[in-house]
Amino acid sequence: MTDKSTTLKERFGQVPNETGLTRKMRVHQGWWRTNVLSEKFGLHPIIPTQDVCNTILGGDTSGKNFLTPNSIKAVRETLAKRTQENAGIIEVDRLFNNLLSSQPLCFNFFGELYADHDFGLLVLKTFYEDLTKLNNVIFEFAPTENYTNDRSAFDIAFEVEIGDKIGLLGFECKYTDTFSYKPAKSEIYYGDEGNKNHESYLDIYNKSKTSFTKPYYDFVRSKDFNQLFRNQLIGEALLQNKKYDFVRTGLFCYQDDNFAKATAETFKTMLSNPNNFQLITYSDFLSKVQRLELTWQQREWTMLLWARYCAIVLSEATINQLLY
């Protein structure tokens, strides 16, 4: 081991013993922290006695986990609006200090749409041509009525209009995290038939049975489809209770996350109207946005997104030195 690599490891912080996409992206976020933010590594989110390469300290003050003033503004205003009745979970330490988390990623990608609804409409129309207005951008959206009787939520939702119809676009956002199967232990558990705890899910499903092409338990017992199904149930409940005229759902994920993409494509086939579910990757988003007529500030934002979340080529030398 050379002195150079020893110095790099000392500056870089620990890299957990893991494999695949998560390890590669964790090191990429460590590279961003070390070389772009010039911040010292922070604490492991699960093992606080250890450090880890992809976290920082004091992010709630510095705002360094966010790419633009608009993304920071979206964070501050979202937190200020939240109450105990909000069903969607925002883990504040993870939001401010964990670079690998999908929560700050959400604000980085969609904070500009939150700040400028006219620009946001132009972006959304590249995926949904029939939209006529963007009314609101909501992070960790869940109905206050809590139809699903759990803490399920869309990571990002857009209240939109098509002519005189008002609707919602709701997305699950993934970076390296897997699809969740069960809610927290303090919440309901849905398992075997007859378990009263899954009655809310089953009730929504039965009222919207024609929206699905598969039986209820093909969704709820599946570790692959369970989370997307719970999100879909939120949409179905909103329609049943006439909160919106239409709801469309989807998955937003890293373009090289082949498992997430395959899961989303299969999930689409399990819906009666697969066109109401859309898979959008980071590269899809950036490619379409960059074709718009952008200000320099907006174009710089897209380049920062590419560098922060997609540009493994930038951290490749670091990855090779640390991992091989």
C-alpha atoms as a PDB file:
ATOM      1  CA  MET A   1       0.000   0.000   0.000  1.00  0.00           C
ATOM      2  CA  THR A   2       1.428   3.343  -0.994  1.00  0.00           C
ATOM      3  CA  ASP A   3       1.528   6.438   1.166  1.00  0.00           C
ATOM      4  CA  LYS A   4      -0.865   8.048  -1.309  1.00  0.00           C
ATOM      5  CA  SER A   5      -3.512   5.334  -0.871  1.00  0.00           C
ATOM      6  CA  THR A   6      -3.051   5.387   2.909  1.00  0.00           C
ATOM      7  CA  THR A   7      -3.700   9.118   2.904  1.00  0.00           C
ATOM      8  CA  LEU A   8      -6.776   8.655   0.720  1.00  0.00           C
ATOM      9  CA  LYS A   9      -8.202   5.991   3.024  1.00  0.00           C
ATOM     10  CA  GLU A  10      -7.603   8.190   6.053  1.00  0.00           C
ATOM     11  CA  ARG A  11      -9.422  11.117   4.431  1.00  0.00           C
ATOM     12  CA  PHE A  12     -12.124   8.985   2.920  1.00  0.00           C
ATOM     13  CA  GLY A  13     -13.589   7.230   5.940  1.00  0.00           C
ATOM     14  CA  GLN A  14     -14.794   3.665   6.184  1.00  0.00           C
ATOM     15  CA  VAL A  15     -16.444   1.762   3.347  1.00  0.00           C
ATOM     16  CA  PRO A  16     -18.728  -1.013   4.688  1.00  0.00           C
ATOM     17  CA  ASN A  17     -18.129  -4.564   3.514  1.00  0.00           C
ATOM     18  CA  GLU A  18     -20.843  -4.791   0.853  1.00  0.00           C
ATOM     19  CA  THR A  19     -21.078  -5.522  -2.836  1.00  0.00           C
ATOM     20  CA  GLY A  20     -22.734  -4.369  -6.015  1.00  0.00           C
ATOM     21  CA  LEU A  21     -24.420  -1.088  -6.795  1.00  0.00           C
ATOM     22  CA  THR A  22     -24.715   0.061  -3.178  1.00  0.00           C
ATOM     23  CA  ARG A  23     -20.959  -0.198  -2.587  1.00  0.00           C
ATOM     24  CA  LYS A  24     -20.134   1.592  -5.824  1.00  0.00           C
ATOM     25  CA  MET A  25     -22.575   4.431  -5.192  1.00  0.00           C
ATOM     26  CA  ARG A  26     -21.539   4.748  -1.544  1.00  0.00           C
ATOM     27  CA  VAL A  27     -17.944   5.291  -2.657  1.00  0.00           C
ATOM     28  CA  HIS A  28     -19.148   7.774  -5.289  1.00  0.00           C
ATOM     29  CA  GLN A  29     -20.894   9.789  -2.574  1.00  0.00           C
ATOM     30  CA  GLY A  30     -17.753   9.521  -0.468  1.00  0.00           C
ATOM     31  CA  TRP A  31     -15.814  10.910  -3.428  1.00  0.00           C
ATOM     32  CA  TRP A  32     -18.306  13.798  -3.679  1.00  0.00           C
ATOM     33  CA  ARG A  33     -17.964  14.501   0.030  1.00  0.00           C
ATOM     34  CA  THR A  34     -14.160  14.391  -0.041  1.00  0.00           C
ATOM     35  CA  ASN A  35     -13.414  16.182  -3.288  1.00  0.00           C
ATOM     36  CA  VAL A  36     -16.406  18.448  -3.939  1.00  0.00           C
ATOM     37  CA  LEU A  37     -17.718  19.323  -0.482  1.00  0.00           C
ATOM     38  CA  SER A  38     -14.306  19.069   1.222  1.00  0.00           C
ATOM     39  CA  GLU A  39     -16.089  17.826   4.321  1.00  0.00           C
ATOM     40  CA  LYS A  40     -14.854  15.360   6.944  1.00  0.00           C
ATOM     41  CA  PHE A  41     -16.641  12.006   6.983  1.00  0.00           C
ATOM     42  CA  GLY A  42     -19.511  11.642   9.435  1.00  0.00           C
ATOM     43  CA  LEU A  43     -21.083   8.869  11.479  1.00  0.00           C
ATOM     44  CA  HIS A  44     -22.604   5.600  10.343  1.00  0.00           C
ATOM     45  CA  PRO A  45     -26.418   6.084  10.473  1.00  0.00           C
ATOM     46  CA  ILE A  46     -27.000   2.654  12.068  1.00  0.00           C
ATOM     47  CA  ILE A  47     -23.747   2.179  14.010  1.00  0.00           C
ATOM     48  CA  PRO A  48     -23.037   5.642  15.491  1.00  0.00           C
ATOM     49  CA  THR A  49     -19.752   4.489  17.010  1.00  0.00           C
ATOM     50  CA  GLN A  50     -18.323   4.095  13.503  1.00  0.00           C
ATOM     51  CA  ASP A  51     -17.626   6.562  10.732  1.00  0.00           C
ATOM     52  CA  VAL A  52     -18.647   6.000   7.126  1.00  0.00           C
ATOM     53  CA  CYS A  53     -17.574   7.648   3.892  1.00  0.00           C
ATOM     54  CA  ASN A  54     -20.991   8.829   2.689  1.00  0.00           C
ATOM     55  CA  THR A  55     -22.094  11.013   5.610  1.00  0.00           C
ATOM     56  CA  ILE A  56     -21.207  14.475   6.866  1.00  0.00           C
ATOM     57  CA  LEU A  57     -21.609  16.305  10.160  1.00  0.00           C
ATOM     58  CA  GLY A  58     -23.564  19.515  10.672  1.00  0.00           C
ATOM     59  CA  GLY A  59     -25.517  19.325   7.437  1.00  0.00           C
ATOM     60  CA  ASP A  60     -28.562  20.859   9.119  1.00  0.00           C
ATOM     61  CA  THR A  61     -26.546  24.067   9.458  1.00  0.00           C
ATOM     62  CA  SER A  62     -24.415  23.984   6.307  1.00  0.00           C
ATOM     63  CA  GLY A  63     -27.039  22.591   3.920  1.00  0.00           C
ATOM     64  CA  LYS A  64     -24.219  20.866   2.044  1.00  0.00           C
ATOM     65  CA  ASN A  65     -26.291  17.794   1.188  1.00  0.00           C
ATOM     66  CA  PHE A  66     -28.262  19.952  -1.257  1.00  0.00           C
ATOM     67  CA  LEU A  67     -27.214  21.245  -4.634  1.00  0.00           C
ATOM     68  CA  THR A  68     -29.028  24.574  -5.033  1.00  0.00           C
ATOM     69  CA  PRO A  69     -30.627  27.311  -2.938  1.00  0.00           C
ATOM     70  CA  ASN A  70     -34.012  26.167  -4.242  1.00  0.00           C
ATOM     71  CA  SER A  71     -33.515  22.619  -2.994  1.00  0.00           C
ATOM     72  CA  ILE A  72     -32.539  23.962   0.436  1.00  0.00           C
ATOM     73  CA  LYS A  73     -35.573  26.252   0.402  1.00  0.00           C
ATOM     74  CA  ALA A  74     -37.811  23.275  -0.402  1.00  0.00           C
ATOM     75  CA  VAL A  75     -36.330  21.361   2.539  1.00  0.00           C
ATOM     76  CA  ARG A  76     -36.779  24.203   5.028  1.00  0.00           C
ATOM     77  CA  GLU A  77     -40.341  24.961   3.956  1.00  0.00           C
ATOM     78  CA  THR A  78     -41.345  21.296   3.870  1.00  0.00           C
ATOM     79  CA  LEU A  79     -40.087  20.723   7.397  1.00  0.00           C
ATOM     80  CA  ALA A  80     -41.783  23.891   8.628  1.00  0.00           C
ATOM     81  CA  LYS A  81     -45.146  22.755   7.239  1.00  0.00           C
ATOM     82  CA  ARG A  82     -45.072  19.266   8.667  1.00  0.00           C
ATOM     83  CA  THR A  83     -47.104  18.236  11.701  1.00  0.00           C
ATOM     84  CA  GLN A  84     -47.522  15.028  13.644  1.00  0.00           C
ATOM     85  CA  GLU A  85     -50.490  14.217  11.439  1.00  0.00           C
ATOM     86  CA  ASN A  86     -48.274  13.899   8.363  1.00  0.00           C
ATOM     87  CA  ALA A  87     -48.016  10.197   7.571  1.00  0.00           C
ATOM     88  CA  GLY A  88     -44.898  10.402   5.420  1.00  0.00           C
ATOM     89  CA  ILE A  89     -41.676   9.937   7.354  1.00  0.00           C
ATOM     90  CA  ILE A  90     -38.788  12.392   7.033  1.00  0.00           C
ATOM     91  CA  GLU A  91     -35.699  11.335   8.993  1.00  0.00           C
ATOM     92  CA  VAL A  92     -34.036  14.684   9.632  1.00  0.00           C
ATOM     93  CA  ASP A  93     -30.513  13.426  10.322  1.00  0.00           C
ATOM     94  CA  ARG A  94     -30.598  11.260   7.217  1.00  0.00           C
ATOM     95  CA  LEU A  95     -31.971  14.138   5.191  1.00  0.00           C
ATOM     96  CA  PHE A  96     -29.203  16.566   6.133  1.00  0.00           C
ATOM     97  CA  ASN A  97     -26.212  14.295   6.670  1.00  0.00           C
ATOM     98  CA  ASN A  98     -26.510  11.108   4.581  1.00  0.00           C
ATOM     99  CA  LEU A  99     -25.369  11.675   0.999  1.00  0.00           C
ATOM    100  CA  LEU A 100     -26.507   8.200  -0.094  1.00  0.00           C
ATOM    101  CA  SER A 101     -30.088   8.688   1.065  1.00  0.00           C
ATOM    102  CA  SER A 102     -32.941   9.000  -1.419  1.00  0.00           C
ATOM    103  CA  GLN A 103     -34.560  11.742   0.714  1.00  0.00           C
ATOM    104  CA  PRO A 104     -32.052  14.522  -0.093  1.00  0.00           C
ATOM    105  CA  LEU A 105     -31.924  13.157  -3.652  1.00  0.00           C
ATOM    106  CA  CYS A 106     -35.638  13.912  -3.966  1.00  0.00           C
ATOM    107  CA  PHE A 107     -35.147  17.535  -2.944  1.00  0.00           C
ATOM    108  CA  ASN A 108     -32.146  17.891  -5.251  1.00  0.00           C
ATOM    109  CA  PHE A 109     -34.034  16.619  -8.297  1.00  0.00           C
ATOM    110  CA  PHE A 110     -37.364  18.305  -7.642  1.00  0.00           C
ATOM    111  CA  GLY A 111     -36.563  21.413  -5.591  1.00  0.00           C
ATOM    112  CA  GLU A 112     -36.353  23.490  -8.767  1.00  0.00           C
ATOM    113  CA  LEU A 113     -39.853  22.350  -9.763  1.00  0.00           C
ATOM    114  CA  TYR A 114     -41.085  23.254  -6.284  1.00  0.00           C
ATOM    115  CA  ALA A 115     -39.633  26.756  -6.608  1.00  0.00           C
ATOM    116  CA  ASP A 116     -40.967  27.478 -10.112  1.00  0.00           C
ATOM    117  CA  HIS A 117     -44.238  25.805 -11.076  1.00  0.00           C
ATOM    118  CA  ASP A 118     -44.135  27.121 -14.636  1.00  0.00           C
ATOM    119  CA  PHE A 119     -40.742  25.509 -15.131  1.00  0.00           C
ATOM    120  CA  GLY A 120     -41.969  22.423 -13.296  1.00  0.00           C
ATOM    121  CA  LEU A 121     -44.877  22.088 -15.714  1.00  0.00           C
ATOM    122  CA  LEU A 122     -42.486  22.196 -18.675  1.00  0.00           C
ATOM    123  CA  VAL A 123     -40.434  19.408 -17.093  1.00  0.00           C
ATOM    124  CA  LEU A 124     -43.457  17.242 -16.290  1.00  0.00           C
ATOM    125  CA  LYS A 125     -44.926  17.734 -19.755  1.00  0.00           C
ATOM    126  CA  THR A 126     -41.885  15.965 -21.214  1.00  0.00           C
ATOM    127  CA  PHE A 127     -43.319  12.834 -19.565  1.00  0.00           C
ATOM    128  CA  TYR A 128     -47.047  13.699 -19.468  1.00  0.00           C
ATOM    129  CA  GLU A 129     -47.900  15.730 -22.560  1.00  0.00           C
ATOM    130  CA  ASP A 130     -51.539  16.297 -21.579  1.00  0.00           C
ATOM    131  CA  LEU A 131     -50.809  18.286 -18.407  1.00  0.00           C
ATOM    132  CA  THR A 132     -51.973  21.897 -18.431  1.00  0.00           C
ATOM    133  CA  LYS A 133     -50.973  23.162 -14.973  1.00  0.00           C
ATOM    134  CA  LEU A 134     -48.748  22.328 -11.986  1.00  0.00           C
ATOM    135  CA  ASN A 135     -50.302  23.490  -8.721  1.00  0.00           C
ATOM    136  CA  ASN A 136     -48.070  22.020  -6.052  1.00  0.00           C
ATOM    137  CA  VAL A 137     -44.981  19.883  -5.429  1.00  0.00           C
ATOM    138  CA  ILE A 138     -45.173  17.850  -2.208  1.00  0.00           C
ATOM    139  CA  PHE A 139     -42.357  15.854  -0.626  1.00  0.00           C
ATOM    140  CA  GLU A 140     -43.315  12.729   1.362  1.00  0.00           C
ATOM    141  CA  PHE A 141     -46.972  13.021   0.415  1.00  0.00           C
ATOM    142  CA  ALA A 142     -49.546  10.985   2.306  1.00  0.00           C
ATOM    143  CA  PRO A 143     -53.250  11.777   2.743  1.00  0.00           C
ATOM    144  CA  THR A 144     -54.119  13.093   6.202  1.00  0.00           C
ATOM    145  CA  GLU A 145     -56.960  10.535   6.232  1.00  0.00           C
ATOM    146  CA  ASN A 146     -54.337   7.740   6.221  1.00  0.00           C
ATOM    147  CA  TYR A 147     -56.484   5.411   4.140  1.00  0.00           C
ATOM    148  CA  THR A 148     -53.891   2.624   4.262  1.00  0.00           C
ATOM    149  CA  ASN A 149     -53.580   2.833   8.060  1.00  0.00           C
ATOM    150  CA  ASP A 150     -49.782   2.871   7.935  1.00  0.00           C
ATOM    151  CA  ARG A 151     -46.940   5.254   7.117  1.00  0.00           C
ATOM    152  CA  SER A 152     -46.873   4.638   3.374  1.00  0.00           C
ATOM    153  CA  ALA A 153     -46.264   7.766   1.301  1.00  0.00           C
ATOM    154  CA  PHE A 154     -45.198   8.959  -2.115  1.00  0.00           C
ATOM    155  CA  ASP A 155     -41.637  10.260  -1.884  1.00  0.00           C
ATOM    156  CA  ILE A 156     -42.617  13.005  -4.309  1.00  0.00           C
ATOM    157  CA  ALA A 157     -46.051  14.060  -5.550  1.00  0.00           C
ATOM    158  CA  PHE A 158     -47.250  16.681  -7.992  1.00  0.00           C
ATOM    159  CA  GLU A 159     -50.733  18.185  -7.866  1.00  0.00           C
ATOM    160  CA  VAL A 160     -51.586  18.897 -11.495  1.00  0.00           C
ATOM    161  CA  GLU A 161     -54.415  19.738 -13.856  1.00  0.00           C
ATOM    162  CA  ILE A 162     -55.530  18.480 -17.246  1.00  0.00           C
ATOM    163  CA  GLY A 163     -58.119  20.975 -18.454  1.00  0.00           C
ATOM    164  CA  ASP A 164     -60.779  21.098 -15.736  1.00  0.00           C
ATOM    165  CA  LYS A 165     -59.591  17.867 -14.100  1.00  0.00           C
ATOM    166  CA  ILE A 166     -57.378  17.939 -10.990  1.00  0.00           C
ATOM    167  CA  GLY A 167     -55.019  15.051 -10.386  1.00  0.00           C
ATOM    168  CA  LEU A 168     -51.955  13.736  -8.605  1.00  0.00           C
ATOM    169  CA  LEU A 169     -48.715  12.211  -9.866  1.00  0.00           C
ATOM    170  CA  GLY A 170     -47.091  10.154  -7.108  1.00  0.00           C
ATOM    171  CA  PHE A 171     -43.637   8.543  -7.266  1.00  0.00           C
ATOM    172  CA  GLU A 172     -41.501   6.203  -5.250  1.00  0.00           C
ATOM    173  CA  CYS A 173     -37.860   7.374  -5.446  1.00  0.00           C
ATOM    174  CA  LYS A 174     -34.927   4.970  -5.155  1.00  0.00           C
ATOM    175  CA  TYR A 175     -31.160   5.372  -5.220  1.00  0.00           C
ATOM    176  CA  THR A 176     -29.565   2.256  -3.756  1.00  0.00           C
ATOM    177  CA  ASP A 177     -32.213   1.421  -1.152  1.00  0.00           C
ATOM    178  CA  THR A 178     -34.334  -1.676  -1.677  1.00  0.00           C
ATOM    179  CA  PHE A 179     -38.105  -1.868  -1.749  1.00  0.00           C
ATOM    180  CA  SER A 180     -39.503  -2.115   1.758  1.00  0.00           C
ATOM    181  CA  TYR A 181     -41.709  -5.084   2.607  1.00  0.00           C
ATOM    182  CA  LYS A 182     -43.046  -4.363   6.076  1.00  0.00           C
ATOM    183  CA  PRO A 183     -43.842  -1.125   7.907  1.00  0.00           C
ATOM    184  CA  ALA A 184     -42.086  -0.314  11.162  1.00  0.00           C
ATOM    185  CA  LYS A 185     -42.708  -2.675  14.077  1.00  0.00           C
ATOM    186  CA  SER A 186     -44.888  -0.084  15.780  1.00  0.00           C
ATOM    187  CA  GLU A 187     -47.218  -0.046  12.801  1.00  0.00           C
ATOM    188  CA  ILE A 188     -49.523  -2.630  11.316  1.00  0.00           C
ATOM    189  CA  TYR A 189     -48.390  -5.963   9.992  1.00  0.00           C
ATOM    190  CA  TYR A 190     -50.076  -7.467   6.994  1.00  0.00           C
ATOM    191  CA  GLY A 191     -49.498 -11.144   6.585  1.00  0.00           C
ATOM    192  CA  ASP A 192     -51.626 -14.214   6.499  1.00  0.00           C
ATOM    193  CA  GLU A 193     -55.217 -14.237   5.385  1.00  0.00           C
ATOM    194  CA  GLY A 194     -57.495 -13.473   8.310  1.00  0.00           C
ATOM    195  CA  ASN A 195     -55.036 -11.125  10.002  1.00  0.00           C
ATOM    196  CA  LYS A 196     -57.170  -8.086  10.842  1.00  0.00           C
ATOM    197  CA  ASN A 197     -54.207  -5.730  10.415  1.00  0.00           C
ATOM    198  CA  HIS A 198     -54.318  -5.817   6.627  1.00  0.00           C
ATOM    199  CA  GLU A 199     -58.030  -4.992   6.390  1.00  0.00           C
ATOM    200  CA  SER A 200     -57.376  -1.447   5.174  1.00  0.00           C
ATOM    201  CA  TYR A 201     -55.320  -2.711   2.234  1.00  0.00           C
ATOM    202  CA  LEU A 202     -57.816  -5.409   1.347  1.00  0.00           C
ATOM    203  CA  ASP A 203     -60.741  -3.011   1.548  1.00  0.00           C
ATOM    204  CA  ILE A 204     -59.113  -0.545  -0.864  1.00  0.00           C
ATOM    205  CA  TYR A 205     -58.080  -3.391  -3.161  1.00  0.00           C
ATOM    206  CA  ASN A 206     -61.589  -4.881  -3.284  1.00  0.00           C
ATOM    207  CA  LYS A 207     -63.134  -1.506  -4.087  1.00  0.00           C
ATOM    208  CA  SER A 208     -60.635  -1.084  -6.929  1.00  0.00           C
ATOM    209  CA  LYS A 209     -60.350  -4.721  -7.972  1.00  0.00           C
ATOM    210  CA  THR A 210     -60.733  -3.913 -11.653  1.00  0.00           C
ATOM    211  CA  SER A 211     -57.577  -1.765 -11.440  1.00  0.00           C
ATOM    212  CA  PHE A 212     -55.438  -4.874 -10.892  1.00  0.00           C
ATOM    213  CA  THR A 213     -54.786  -7.963 -12.986  1.00  0.00           C
ATOM    214  CA  LYS A 214     -53.435 -10.082 -10.115  1.00  0.00           C
ATOM    215  CA  PRO A 215     -54.943 -11.360  -6.839  1.00  0.00           C
ATOM    216  CA  TYR A 216     -54.408  -9.348  -3.671  1.00  0.00           C
ATOM    217  CA  TYR A 217     -51.852 -11.696  -2.123  1.00  0.00           C
ATOM    218  CA  ASP A 218     -49.669 -11.650  -5.221  1.00  0.00           C
ATOM    219  CA  PHE A 219     -48.941  -8.063  -4.229  1.00  0.00           C
ATOM    220  CA  VAL A 220     -48.995  -7.966  -0.466  1.00  0.00           C
ATOM    221  CA  ARG A 221     -46.860 -11.061   0.109  1.00  0.00           C
ATOM    222  CA  SER A 222     -44.224 -10.060  -2.408  1.00  0.00           C
ATOM    223  CA  LYS A 223     -41.029  -8.404  -1.219  1.00  0.00           C
ATOM    224  CA  ASP A 224     -40.604  -7.018  -4.732  1.00  0.00           C
ATOM    225  CA  PHE A 225     -44.052  -5.510  -5.280  1.00  0.00           C
ATOM    226  CA  ASN A 226     -45.332  -4.782  -1.784  1.00  0.00           C
ATOM    227  CA  GLN A 227     -44.127  -1.177  -1.541  1.00  0.00           C
ATOM    228  CA  LEU A 228     -45.256  -0.204  -5.035  1.00  0.00           C
ATOM    229  CA  PHE A 229     -48.597  -1.865  -4.259  1.00  0.00           C
ATOM    230  CA  ARG A 230     -49.031   0.150  -1.057  1.00  0.00           C
ATOM    231  CA  ASN A 231     -48.346   3.332  -3.023  1.00  0.00           C
ATOM    232  CA  GLN A 232     -50.857   2.228  -5.628  1.00  0.00           C
ATOM    233  CA  LEU A 233     -53.431   1.742  -2.866  1.00  0.00           C
ATOM    234  CA  ILE A 234     -52.920   5.357  -1.789  1.00  0.00           C
ATOM    235  CA  GLY A 235     -53.801   6.415  -5.323  1.00  0.00           C
ATOM    236  CA  GLU A 236     -56.814   4.120  -5.460  1.00  0.00           C
ATOM    237  CA  ALA A 237     -58.096   5.417  -2.103  1.00  0.00           C
ATOM    238  CA  LEU A 238     -57.739   9.023  -3.242  1.00  0.00           C
ATOM    239  CA  LEU A 239     -59.880   8.218  -6.273  1.00  0.00           C
ATOM    240  CA  GLN A 240     -62.439   6.267  -4.243  1.00  0.00           C
ATOM    241  CA  ASN A 241     -62.836   9.212  -1.893  1.00  0.00           C
ATOM    242  CA  LYS A 242     -63.013  11.681  -4.789  1.00  0.00           C
ATOM    243  CA  LYS A 243     -59.994  13.686  -3.666  1.00  0.00           C
ATOM    244  CA  TYR A 244     -58.704  13.804  -7.249  1.00  0.00           C
ATOM    245  CA  ASP A 245     -60.121  13.174 -10.687  1.00  0.00           C
ATOM    246  CA  PHE A 246     -57.104  11.079 -11.682  1.00  0.00           C
ATOM    247  CA  VAL A 247     -53.992   9.642 -10.038  1.00  0.00           C
ATOM    248  CA  ARG A 248     -50.909   8.338 -11.816  1.00  0.00           C
ATOM    249  CA  THR A 249     -48.078   6.561 -10.047  1.00  0.00           C
ATOM    250  CA  GLY A 250     -44.527   5.567 -10.855  1.00  0.00           C
ATOM    251  CA  LEU A 251     -40.958   4.807  -9.887  1.00  0.00           C
ATOM    252  CA  PHE A 252     -38.009   7.211 -10.145  1.00  0.00           C
ATOM    253  CA  CYS A 253     -34.670   5.390  -9.946  1.00  0.00           C
ATOM    254  CA  TYR A 254     -31.032   5.234 -11.010  1.00  0.00           C
ATOM    255  CA  GLN A 255     -30.651   4.152 -14.629  1.00  0.00           C
ATOM    256  CA  ASP A 256     -28.314   1.256 -13.794  1.00  0.00           C
ATOM    257  CA  ASP A 257     -30.489  -0.176 -11.031  1.00  0.00           C
ATOM    258  CA  ASN A 258     -31.603  -3.110 -13.142  1.00  0.00           C
ATOM    259  CA  PHE A 259     -33.528  -4.800 -10.350  1.00  0.00           C
ATOM    260  CA  ALA A 260     -35.636  -1.710  -9.600  1.00  0.00           C
ATOM    261  CA  LYS A 261     -36.327  -1.156 -13.296  1.00  0.00           C
ATOM    262  CA  ALA A 262     -37.335  -4.775 -13.867  1.00  0.00           C
ATOM    263  CA  THR A 263     -39.580  -4.688 -10.790  1.00  0.00           C
ATOM    264  CA  ALA A 264     -41.317  -1.550 -12.059  1.00  0.00           C
ATOM    265  CA  GLU A 265     -41.810  -2.975 -15.552  1.00  0.00           C
ATOM    266  CA  THR A 266     -43.343  -6.149 -14.115  1.00  0.00           C
ATOM    267  CA  PHE A 267     -45.524  -4.168 -11.718  1.00  0.00           C
ATOM    268  CA  LYS A 268     -46.945  -2.240 -14.680  1.00  0.00           C
ATOM    269  CA  THR A 269     -48.218  -5.504 -16.178  1.00  0.00           C
ATOM    270  CA  MET A 270     -50.075  -6.205 -12.921  1.00  0.00           C
ATOM    271  CA  LEU A 271     -52.239  -3.106 -13.424  1.00  0.00           C
ATOM    272  CA  SER A 272     -55.292  -2.967 -15.662  1.00  0.00           C
ATOM    273  CA  ASN A 273     -54.114   0.337 -17.082  1.00  0.00           C
ATOM    274  CA  PRO A 274     -50.305   0.087 -17.211  1.00  0.00           C
ATOM    275  CA  ASN A 275     -50.076   3.541 -18.798  1.00  0.00           C
ATOM    276  CA  ASN A 276     -51.025   5.025 -15.425  1.00  0.00           C
ATOM    277  CA  PHE A 277     -47.713   3.811 -13.985  1.00  0.00           C
ATOM    278  CA  GLN A 278     -44.484   5.267 -15.311  1.00  0.00           C
ATOM    279  CA  LEU A 279     -40.858   4.308 -14.817  1.00  0.00           C
ATOM    280  CA  ILE A 280     -38.531   7.317 -15.027  1.00  0.00           C
ATOM    281  CA  THR A 281     -34.772   7.002 -14.567  1.00  0.00           C
ATOM    282  CA  TYR A 282     -32.359   9.760 -13.637  1.00  0.00           C
ATOM    283  CA  SER A 283     -30.935   9.665 -17.159  1.00  0.00           C
ATOM    284  CA  ASP A 284     -34.459   9.935 -18.639  1.00  0.00           C
ATOM    285  CA  PHE A 285     -35.107  12.979 -16.483  1.00  0.00           C
ATOM    286  CA  LEU A 286     -31.812  14.713 -17.220  1.00  0.00           C
ATOM    287  CA  SER A 287     -31.944  13.993 -20.956  1.00  0.00           C
ATOM    288  CA  LYS A 288     -35.425  15.466 -21.308  1.00  0.00           C
ATOM    289  CA  VAL A 289     -34.770  18.484 -19.088  1.00  0.00           C
ATOM    290  CA  GLN A 290     -31.552  19.348 -20.922  1.00  0.00           C
ATOM    291  CA  ARG A 291     -33.493  19.571 -24.196  1.00  0.00           C
ATOM    292  CA  LEU A 292     -35.625  22.386 -22.763  1.00  0.00           C
ATOM    293  CA  GLU A 293     -34.737  26.038 -23.161  1.00  0.00           C
ATOM    294  CA  LEU A 294     -32.968  26.519 -19.842  1.00  0.00           C
ATOM    295  CA  THR A 295     -31.353  29.418 -18.057  1.00  0.00           C
ATOM    296  CA  TRP A 296     -27.675  28.918 -17.286  1.00  0.00           C
ATOM    297  CA  GLN A 297     -28.567  28.378 -13.623  1.00  0.00           C
ATOM    298  CA  GLN A 298     -31.009  25.606 -14.572  1.00  0.00           C
ATOM    299  CA  ARG A 299     -28.504  23.995 -16.927  1.00  0.00           C
ATOM    300  CA  GLU A 300     -25.848  24.088 -14.225  1.00  0.00           C
ATOM    301  CA  TRP A 301     -28.325  22.368 -11.889  1.00  0.00           C
ATOM    302  CA  THR A 302     -28.715  19.489 -14.375  1.00  0.00           C
ATOM    303  CA  MET A 303     -24.948  19.131 -14.599  1.00  0.00           C
ATOM    304  CA  LEU A 304     -24.636  19.046 -10.821  1.00  0.00           C
ATOM    305  CA  LEU A 305     -27.304  16.332 -10.693  1.00  0.00           C
ATOM    306  CA  TRP A 306     -25.389  14.308 -13.269  1.00  0.00           C
ATOM    307  CA  ALA A 307     -22.109  14.681 -11.380  1.00  0.00           C
ATOM    308  CA  ARG A 308     -23.618  13.952  -7.965  1.00  0.00           C
ATOM    309  CA  TYR A 309     -25.802  10.979  -8.833  1.00  0.00           C
ATOM    310  CA  CYS A 310     -24.783   9.521 -12.178  1.00  0.00           C
ATOM    311  CA  ALA A 311     -21.164  10.301 -13.038  1.00  0.00           C
ATOM    312  CA  ILE A 312     -19.360   7.215 -11.815  1.00  0.00           C
ATOM    313  CA  VAL A 313     -16.699   8.035 -14.396  1.00  0.00           C
ATOM    314  CA  LEU A 314     -15.616  10.916 -12.129  1.00  0.00           C
ATOM    315  CA  SER A 315     -15.021   8.707  -9.096  1.00  0.00           C
ATOM    316  CA  GLU A 316     -13.767   5.669 -10.994  1.00  0.00           C
ATOM    317  CA  ALA A 317     -10.110   6.153 -10.072  1.00  0.00           C
ATOM    318  CA  THR A 318     -11.039   6.521  -6.396  1.00  0.00           C
ATOM    319  CA  ILE A 319     -13.268   3.465  -6.516  1.00  0.00           C
ATOM    320  CA  ASN A 320     -10.494   1.400  -8.115  1.00  0.00           C
ATOM    321  CA  GLN A 321      -7.907   2.584  -5.596  1.00  0.00           C
ATOM    322  CA  LEU A 322     -10.094   1.915  -2.578  1.00  0.00           C
ATOM    323  CA  LEU A 323     -11.854  -1.266  -3.606  1.00  0.00           C
ATOM    324  CA  TYR A 324      -9.314  -3.195  -5.690  1.00  0.00           C
END
